[in-house]
């Protein structure tokens, strides 16, 4: 399954960015379309291992669970743990790479498959919109802290 990728540079260290990514209760504030994000299970280190999402990003309205794997402040990846009514699969990752003092490049990779037939070109365009919106929201949220 091909992944759509984009990146952005955020004026903050990787640790601060990863703290925002790990703060799922704040997702409805900055992640467009996310109505709720409730942690279902945590790792021994206290980070989310499974999160239940309610999404309302017209035309997609769905509820699903994502499972997370954390690599310190370097990366986090996720995949669909409990599919919803529309999503068949979702795999993604944030990869954080320091680029200068207090600046970090955040690369977002995403691959989504829905249960309804969708042309590959339309699917990639939707993934790109999701990624770009999420990166801009993340940057705004991190830099506002």
N, C-alpha and C. Protein backbone atom coordinates (compact mmCIF):
# COMPACT_ATOMS: atom_id res chain seq x y z
N UNK A 1 0.85 -1.17 0.00
CA UNK A 1 0.00 0.00 0.00
C UNK A 1 0.90 1.24 0.00
N UNK A 2 0.74 2.12 -0.98
CA UNK A 2 1.55 3.33 -1.10
C UNK A 2 1.17 4.31 -0.01
N UNK A 3 2.18 5.04 0.46
CA UNK A 3 1.96 6.06 1.48
C UNK A 3 2.09 7.44 0.88
N UNK A 4 1.27 8.35 1.36
CA UNK A 4 1.39 9.76 1.01
C UNK A 4 2.20 10.41 2.12
N UNK A 5 3.14 11.28 1.74
CA UNK A 5 4.07 11.87 2.70
C UNK A 5 4.18 13.37 2.48
N UNK A 6 4.31 14.11 3.58
CA UNK A 6 4.58 15.54 3.53
C UNK A 6 5.31 15.91 4.82
N UNK A 7 5.96 17.07 4.82
CA UNK A 7 6.66 17.48 6.04
C UNK A 7 6.56 18.98 6.24
N UNK A 8 6.92 19.39 7.46
CA UNK A 8 6.88 20.79 7.85
C UNK A 8 7.96 20.99 8.91
N UNK A 9 8.53 22.19 8.98
CA UNK A 9 9.49 22.51 10.02
C UNK A 9 8.76 23.32 11.10
N UNK A 10 8.92 22.87 12.34
CA UNK A 10 8.27 23.51 13.48
C UNK A 10 9.34 24.10 14.39
N UNK A 11 9.08 25.31 14.86
CA UNK A 11 10.02 26.01 15.73
C UNK A 11 9.89 25.51 17.17
N UNK A 12 10.34 24.30 17.39
CA UNK A 12 10.31 23.68 18.72
C UNK A 12 11.17 22.42 18.69
N UNK A 13 11.67 22.01 19.86
CA UNK A 13 12.43 20.75 19.91
C UNK A 13 11.49 19.55 19.77
N UNK A 14 12.05 18.43 19.36
CA UNK A 14 11.26 17.22 19.11
C UNK A 14 10.46 16.79 20.34
N UNK A 15 11.02 16.92 21.51
CA UNK A 15 10.33 16.49 22.74
C UNK A 15 9.02 17.24 22.92
N UNK A 16 9.03 18.55 22.69
CA UNK A 16 7.82 19.36 22.86
C UNK A 16 6.77 18.99 21.81
N UNK A 17 7.22 18.74 20.58
CA UNK A 17 6.30 18.34 19.51
C UNK A 17 5.67 16.99 19.84
N UNK A 18 6.49 16.04 20.30
CA UNK A 18 5.97 14.71 20.61
C UNK A 18 5.00 14.78 21.78
N UNK A 19 5.22 15.70 22.72
CA UNK A 19 4.27 15.87 23.83
C UNK A 19 2.90 16.30 23.31
N UNK A 20 2.87 17.16 22.30
CA UNK A 20 1.59 17.59 21.70
C UNK A 20 0.95 16.44 20.94
N UNK A 21 1.75 15.69 20.19
CA UNK A 21 1.23 14.54 19.46
C UNK A 21 0.63 13.52 20.43
N UNK A 22 1.26 13.34 21.59
CA UNK A 22 0.81 12.34 22.56
C UNK A 22 -0.38 12.81 23.40
N UNK A 23 -0.72 14.09 23.31
CA UNK A 23 -1.83 14.65 24.10
C UNK A 23 -3.13 14.51 23.31
N UNK A 24 -3.68 13.32 23.31
CA UNK A 24 -4.85 13.02 22.49
C UNK A 24 -6.10 13.81 22.90
N UNK A 25 -6.22 14.15 24.17
CA UNK A 25 -7.40 14.91 24.60
C UNK A 25 -7.47 16.29 23.95
N UNK A 26 -6.32 16.80 23.48
CA UNK A 26 -6.33 18.12 22.82
C UNK A 26 -6.58 18.04 21.31
N UNK A 27 -6.64 16.84 20.74
CA UNK A 27 -6.84 16.71 19.30
C UNK A 27 -8.07 17.46 18.77
N UNK A 28 -9.21 17.44 19.46
CA UNK A 28 -10.36 18.19 18.93
C UNK A 28 -10.08 19.69 18.78
N UNK A 29 -9.09 20.21 19.50
CA UNK A 29 -8.74 21.64 19.41
C UNK A 29 -7.99 21.93 18.12
N UNK A 30 -7.07 21.06 17.71
CA UNK A 30 -6.21 21.38 16.58
C UNK A 30 -6.28 20.41 15.40
N UNK A 31 -6.81 19.23 15.58
CA UNK A 31 -6.87 18.25 14.49
C UNK A 31 -8.26 18.32 13.84
N UNK A 32 -8.33 18.91 12.68
CA UNK A 32 -9.59 19.12 11.98
C UNK A 32 -10.38 17.83 11.83
N UNK A 33 -11.63 17.87 12.23
CA UNK A 33 -12.52 16.73 12.06
C UNK A 33 -12.58 15.80 13.24
N UNK A 34 -11.58 15.84 14.13
CA UNK A 34 -11.58 14.95 15.29
C UNK A 34 -12.53 15.52 16.34
N UNK A 35 -13.58 14.78 16.63
CA UNK A 35 -14.56 15.22 17.64
C UNK A 35 -14.14 14.77 19.03
N UNK A 36 -13.67 13.52 19.14
CA UNK A 36 -13.13 13.02 20.41
C UNK A 36 -11.98 12.07 20.11
N UNK A 37 -11.05 12.00 21.06
CA UNK A 37 -9.94 11.05 21.00
C UNK A 37 -9.71 10.58 22.43
N UNK A 38 -10.17 9.37 22.72
CA UNK A 38 -10.11 8.83 24.07
C UNK A 38 -9.11 7.69 24.14
N UNK A 39 -8.16 7.80 25.07
CA UNK A 39 -7.16 6.75 25.26
C UNK A 39 -7.84 5.53 25.88
N UNK A 40 -7.69 4.39 25.22
CA UNK A 40 -8.30 3.13 25.65
C UNK A 40 -7.30 2.30 26.45
N UNK A 41 -6.02 2.34 26.05
CA UNK A 41 -4.97 1.57 26.73
C UNK A 41 -3.67 2.35 26.63
N UNK A 42 -2.80 2.19 27.64
CA UNK A 42 -1.51 2.87 27.66
C UNK A 42 -0.37 1.87 27.75
N UNK A 43 0.83 2.34 27.38
CA UNK A 43 2.04 1.54 27.50
C UNK A 43 2.53 1.62 28.95
N UNK A 44 3.53 0.83 29.29
CA UNK A 44 4.12 0.90 30.63
C UNK A 44 4.69 2.29 30.90
N UNK A 45 5.11 2.99 29.85
CA UNK A 45 5.66 4.34 29.99
C UNK A 45 4.60 5.42 30.09
N UNK A 46 3.33 5.04 29.98
CA UNK A 46 2.25 6.01 30.13
C UNK A 46 1.73 6.62 28.84
N UNK A 47 2.36 6.32 27.72
CA UNK A 47 1.87 6.85 26.44
C UNK A 47 0.72 5.98 25.93
N UNK A 48 -0.11 6.57 25.09
CA UNK A 48 -1.26 5.85 24.54
C UNK A 48 -0.81 4.67 23.68
N UNK A 49 -1.45 3.54 23.90
CA UNK A 49 -1.20 2.36 23.08
C UNK A 49 -2.37 2.12 22.13
N UNK A 50 -3.58 2.49 22.57
CA UNK A 50 -4.77 2.40 21.72
C UNK A 50 -5.66 3.60 22.04
N UNK A 51 -6.17 4.24 20.96
CA UNK A 51 -7.00 5.43 21.11
C UNK A 51 -8.26 5.27 20.25
N UNK A 52 -9.41 5.59 20.85
CA UNK A 52 -10.69 5.56 20.14
C UNK A 52 -10.98 6.97 19.62
N UNK A 53 -11.21 7.07 18.31
CA UNK A 53 -11.49 8.35 17.67
C UNK A 53 -12.93 8.42 17.17
N UNK A 54 -13.52 9.58 17.28
CA UNK A 54 -14.77 9.91 16.60
C UNK A 54 -14.40 11.01 15.62
N UNK A 55 -14.60 10.73 14.34
CA UNK A 55 -14.22 11.64 13.27
C UNK A 55 -15.46 12.14 12.55
N UNK A 56 -15.49 13.45 12.32
CA UNK A 56 -16.56 14.06 11.53
C UNK A 56 -15.92 15.06 10.59
N UNK A 57 -15.39 14.53 9.50
CA UNK A 57 -14.73 15.34 8.48
C UNK A 57 -15.43 15.04 7.17
N UNK A 58 -16.54 15.75 6.96
CA UNK A 58 -17.39 15.48 5.79
C UNK A 58 -16.54 15.28 4.54
N UNK A 59 -16.77 14.24 3.78
CA UNK A 59 -17.91 13.32 3.85
C UNK A 59 -17.66 12.11 4.76
N UNK A 60 -16.49 12.05 5.43
CA UNK A 60 -16.19 10.88 6.26
C UNK A 60 -16.61 11.14 7.70
N UNK A 61 -17.51 10.29 8.18
CA UNK A 61 -17.93 10.28 9.58
C UNK A 61 -17.74 8.84 10.04
N UNK A 62 -16.92 8.66 11.06
CA UNK A 62 -16.61 7.30 11.47
C UNK A 62 -16.09 7.28 12.90
N UNK A 63 -16.10 6.09 13.50
CA UNK A 63 -15.49 5.82 14.79
C UNK A 63 -14.57 4.63 14.60
N UNK A 64 -13.37 4.70 15.17
CA UNK A 64 -12.37 3.65 14.99
C UNK A 64 -11.33 3.77 16.09
N UNK A 65 -10.53 2.72 16.26
CA UNK A 65 -9.43 2.72 17.21
C UNK A 65 -8.12 2.57 16.45
N UNK A 66 -7.13 3.34 16.88
CA UNK A 66 -5.78 3.23 16.35
C UNK A 66 -4.85 2.69 17.42
N UNK A 67 -3.93 1.80 17.01
CA UNK A 67 -2.90 1.29 17.90
C UNK A 67 -1.60 2.02 17.61
N UNK A 68 -0.89 2.42 18.67
CA UNK A 68 0.31 3.26 18.54
C UNK A 68 1.57 2.54 19.01
N UNK A 69 2.69 2.82 18.31
CA UNK A 69 4.02 2.36 18.69
C UNK A 69 4.91 3.59 18.74
N UNK A 70 5.53 3.84 19.91
CA UNK A 70 6.33 5.04 20.15
C UNK A 70 7.82 4.71 20.09
N UNK A 71 8.60 5.62 19.52
CA UNK A 71 10.06 5.52 19.50
C UNK A 71 10.61 6.81 20.12
N UNK A 72 10.45 6.93 21.42
CA UNK A 72 10.90 8.13 22.14
C UNK A 72 10.32 9.39 21.53
N UNK A 73 11.19 10.37 21.29
CA UNK A 73 10.77 11.62 20.64
C UNK A 73 11.16 11.63 19.17
N UNK A 74 11.51 10.46 18.64
CA UNK A 74 11.94 10.36 17.24
C UNK A 74 10.81 10.04 16.30
N UNK A 75 9.87 9.20 16.74
CA UNK A 75 8.81 8.77 15.82
C UNK A 75 7.67 8.12 16.59
N UNK A 76 6.51 8.15 15.98
CA UNK A 76 5.36 7.39 16.45
C UNK A 76 4.65 6.87 15.21
N UNK A 77 4.24 5.61 15.25
CA UNK A 77 3.50 5.05 14.13
C UNK A 77 2.19 4.48 14.66
N UNK A 78 1.23 4.33 13.76
CA UNK A 78 -0.07 3.81 14.16
C UNK A 78 -0.67 3.00 13.03
N UNK A 79 -1.60 2.14 13.43
CA UNK A 79 -2.37 1.37 12.46
C UNK A 79 -3.75 1.14 13.06
N UNK A 80 -4.67 0.79 12.19
CA UNK A 80 -6.06 0.58 12.59
C UNK A 80 -6.15 -0.67 13.45
N UNK A 81 -6.61 -0.49 14.70
CA UNK A 81 -6.76 -1.61 15.62
C UNK A 81 -8.20 -2.13 15.61
N UNK A 82 -9.15 -1.22 15.52
CA UNK A 82 -10.57 -1.56 15.44
C UNK A 82 -11.18 -0.74 14.30
N UNK A 83 -11.49 -1.36 13.17
CA UNK A 83 -12.03 -0.61 12.03
C UNK A 83 -13.40 0.00 12.35
N UNK A 84 -13.70 1.05 11.64
CA UNK A 84 -15.00 1.69 11.76
C UNK A 84 -15.92 1.22 10.65
N UNK A 85 -16.94 1.99 10.39
CA UNK A 85 -17.88 1.62 9.34
C UNK A 85 -17.36 1.98 7.95
N UNK A 86 -16.46 2.96 7.86
CA UNK A 86 -15.93 3.39 6.56
C UNK A 86 -14.48 2.98 6.33
N UNK A 87 -13.67 3.00 7.39
CA UNK A 87 -12.25 2.72 7.23
C UNK A 87 -11.97 1.22 7.23
N UNK A 88 -11.18 0.80 6.23
CA UNK A 88 -10.76 -0.60 6.14
C UNK A 88 -9.34 -0.75 6.70
N UNK A 89 -8.50 0.26 6.46
CA UNK A 89 -7.15 0.26 7.01
C UNK A 89 -6.64 1.69 7.09
N UNK A 90 -5.75 1.91 8.04
CA UNK A 90 -5.07 3.19 8.18
C UNK A 90 -3.73 2.93 8.83
N UNK A 91 -2.67 3.32 8.14
CA UNK A 91 -1.32 3.21 8.67
C UNK A 91 -0.67 4.57 8.51
N UNK A 92 0.00 5.02 9.57
CA UNK A 92 0.63 6.32 9.48
C UNK A 92 1.78 6.45 10.46
N UNK A 93 2.47 7.58 10.35
CA UNK A 93 3.60 7.84 11.25
C UNK A 93 3.93 9.32 11.22
N UNK A 94 4.41 9.79 12.36
CA UNK A 94 5.10 11.07 12.45
C UNK A 94 6.56 10.73 12.72
N UNK A 95 7.47 11.28 11.92
CA UNK A 95 8.90 11.10 12.12
C UNK A 95 9.49 12.48 12.37
N UNK A 96 10.19 12.65 13.50
CA UNK A 96 10.73 13.93 13.90
C UNK A 96 12.25 13.93 13.76
N UNK A 97 12.77 14.97 13.13
CA UNK A 97 14.20 15.07 12.88
C UNK A 97 14.67 16.48 13.19
N UNK A 98 15.55 16.65 14.19
CA UNK A 98 16.06 17.99 14.48
C UNK A 98 16.80 18.55 13.26
N UNK A 99 16.55 19.83 12.95
CA UNK A 99 17.23 20.46 11.81
C UNK A 99 18.09 21.63 12.25
N UNK A 100 17.87 22.19 13.42
CA UNK A 100 18.65 23.30 13.95
C UNK A 100 18.26 23.45 15.41
N UNK A 101 18.92 24.37 16.10
CA UNK A 101 18.54 24.63 17.49
C UNK A 101 17.07 24.97 17.57
N UNK A 102 16.36 24.19 18.39
CA UNK A 102 14.94 24.45 18.65
C UNK A 102 14.05 24.36 17.41
N UNK A 103 14.50 23.70 16.34
CA UNK A 103 13.67 23.50 15.14
C UNK A 103 13.70 22.03 14.77
N UNK A 104 12.53 21.53 14.32
CA UNK A 104 12.40 20.10 14.02
C UNK A 104 11.58 19.92 12.75
N UNK A 105 12.07 19.04 11.87
CA UNK A 105 11.30 18.66 10.69
C UNK A 105 10.39 17.50 11.09
N UNK A 106 9.08 17.68 10.85
CA UNK A 106 8.10 16.64 11.13
C UNK A 106 7.59 16.09 9.81
N UNK A 107 7.82 14.83 9.58
CA UNK A 107 7.34 14.16 8.37
C UNK A 107 6.15 13.29 8.76
N UNK A 108 5.05 13.47 8.02
CA UNK A 108 3.82 12.72 8.28
C UNK A 108 3.63 11.78 7.09
N UNK A 109 3.49 10.49 7.38
CA UNK A 109 3.24 9.47 6.36
C UNK A 109 1.88 8.87 6.64
N UNK A 110 1.08 8.68 5.59
CA UNK A 110 -0.27 8.16 5.79
C UNK A 110 -0.71 7.32 4.61
N UNK A 111 -1.38 6.23 4.93
CA UNK A 111 -2.03 5.39 3.94
C UNK A 111 -3.38 4.98 4.50
N UNK A 112 -4.45 5.28 3.77
CA UNK A 112 -5.81 5.00 4.22
C UNK A 112 -6.52 4.20 3.14
N UNK A 113 -7.30 3.23 3.57
CA UNK A 113 -8.15 2.49 2.64
C UNK A 113 -9.56 2.46 3.22
N UNK A 114 -10.52 2.79 2.38
CA UNK A 114 -11.92 2.84 2.81
C UNK A 114 -12.68 1.67 2.22
N UNK A 115 -13.82 1.37 2.83
CA UNK A 115 -14.61 0.21 2.41
C UNK A 115 -15.38 0.46 1.12
N UNK A 116 -15.59 1.73 0.77
CA UNK A 116 -16.28 2.06 -0.47
C UNK A 116 -15.23 2.23 -1.57
N UNK A 117 -15.54 1.85 -2.80
CA UNK A 117 -14.57 2.01 -3.88
C UNK A 117 -14.21 3.48 -4.09
N UNK A 118 -12.90 3.74 -4.24
CA UNK A 118 -12.42 5.10 -4.43
C UNK A 118 -11.22 5.05 -5.36
N UNK A 119 -11.22 5.89 -6.37
CA UNK A 119 -10.09 5.95 -7.29
C UNK A 119 -8.82 6.27 -6.54
N UNK A 120 -7.72 5.65 -6.94
CA UNK A 120 -6.43 5.87 -6.30
C UNK A 120 -6.05 7.34 -6.25
N UNK A 121 -6.31 8.07 -7.34
CA UNK A 121 -5.97 9.48 -7.40
C UNK A 121 -6.75 10.27 -6.34
N UNK A 122 -8.03 9.97 -6.17
CA UNK A 122 -8.86 10.66 -5.18
C UNK A 122 -8.43 10.30 -3.76
N UNK A 123 -8.05 9.04 -3.56
CA UNK A 123 -7.60 8.60 -2.24
C UNK A 123 -6.31 9.32 -1.85
N UNK A 124 -5.36 9.41 -2.78
CA UNK A 124 -4.10 10.11 -2.49
C UNK A 124 -4.33 11.59 -2.24
N UNK A 125 -5.27 12.20 -2.98
CA UNK A 125 -5.57 13.61 -2.76
C UNK A 125 -6.17 13.81 -1.37
N UNK A 126 -7.07 12.92 -0.95
CA UNK A 126 -7.67 13.01 0.38
C UNK A 126 -6.59 12.83 1.45
N UNK A 127 -5.68 11.88 1.26
CA UNK A 127 -4.58 11.68 2.21
C UNK A 127 -3.73 12.94 2.31
N UNK A 128 -3.45 13.57 1.18
CA UNK A 128 -2.63 14.79 1.16
C UNK A 128 -3.32 15.91 1.93
N UNK A 129 -4.62 16.07 1.75
CA UNK A 129 -5.37 17.10 2.48
C UNK A 129 -5.32 16.82 3.98
N UNK A 130 -5.51 15.56 4.37
CA UNK A 130 -5.47 15.17 5.78
C UNK A 130 -4.10 15.49 6.37
N UNK A 131 -3.05 15.11 5.66
CA UNK A 131 -1.68 15.32 6.13
C UNK A 131 -1.38 16.81 6.26
N UNK A 132 -1.64 17.58 5.22
CA UNK A 132 -1.32 19.01 5.25
C UNK A 132 -2.09 19.75 6.33
N UNK A 133 -3.36 19.41 6.51
CA UNK A 133 -4.17 20.03 7.55
C UNK A 133 -3.63 19.67 8.93
N UNK A 134 -3.28 18.40 9.12
CA UNK A 134 -2.75 17.95 10.41
C UNK A 134 -1.42 18.62 10.72
N UNK A 135 -0.53 18.71 9.74
CA UNK A 135 0.78 19.34 9.98
C UNK A 135 0.63 20.81 10.34
N UNK A 136 -0.24 21.52 9.63
CA UNK A 136 -0.45 22.94 9.94
C UNK A 136 -1.06 23.11 11.32
N UNK A 137 -2.02 22.26 11.68
CA UNK A 137 -2.63 22.31 13.00
C UNK A 137 -1.63 22.00 14.09
N UNK A 138 -0.78 20.97 13.86
CA UNK A 138 0.25 20.60 14.82
C UNK A 138 1.22 21.75 15.03
N UNK A 139 1.68 22.35 13.94
CA UNK A 139 2.64 23.47 14.03
C UNK A 139 2.03 24.61 14.84
N UNK A 140 0.79 24.97 14.55
CA UNK A 140 0.12 26.06 15.25
C UNK A 140 -0.01 25.73 16.75
N UNK A 141 -0.42 24.50 17.06
CA UNK A 141 -0.61 24.09 18.45
C UNK A 141 0.72 24.10 19.21
N UNK A 142 1.78 23.56 18.61
CA UNK A 142 3.09 23.49 19.28
C UNK A 142 3.65 24.89 19.49
N UNK A 143 3.63 25.71 18.45
CA UNK A 143 4.25 27.03 18.54
C UNK A 143 3.46 27.99 19.43
N UNK A 144 2.18 27.69 19.67
CA UNK A 144 1.36 28.53 20.56
C UNK A 144 1.65 28.24 22.04
N UNK A 145 2.23 27.05 22.32
CA UNK A 145 2.52 26.67 23.72
C UNK A 145 3.71 27.42 24.25
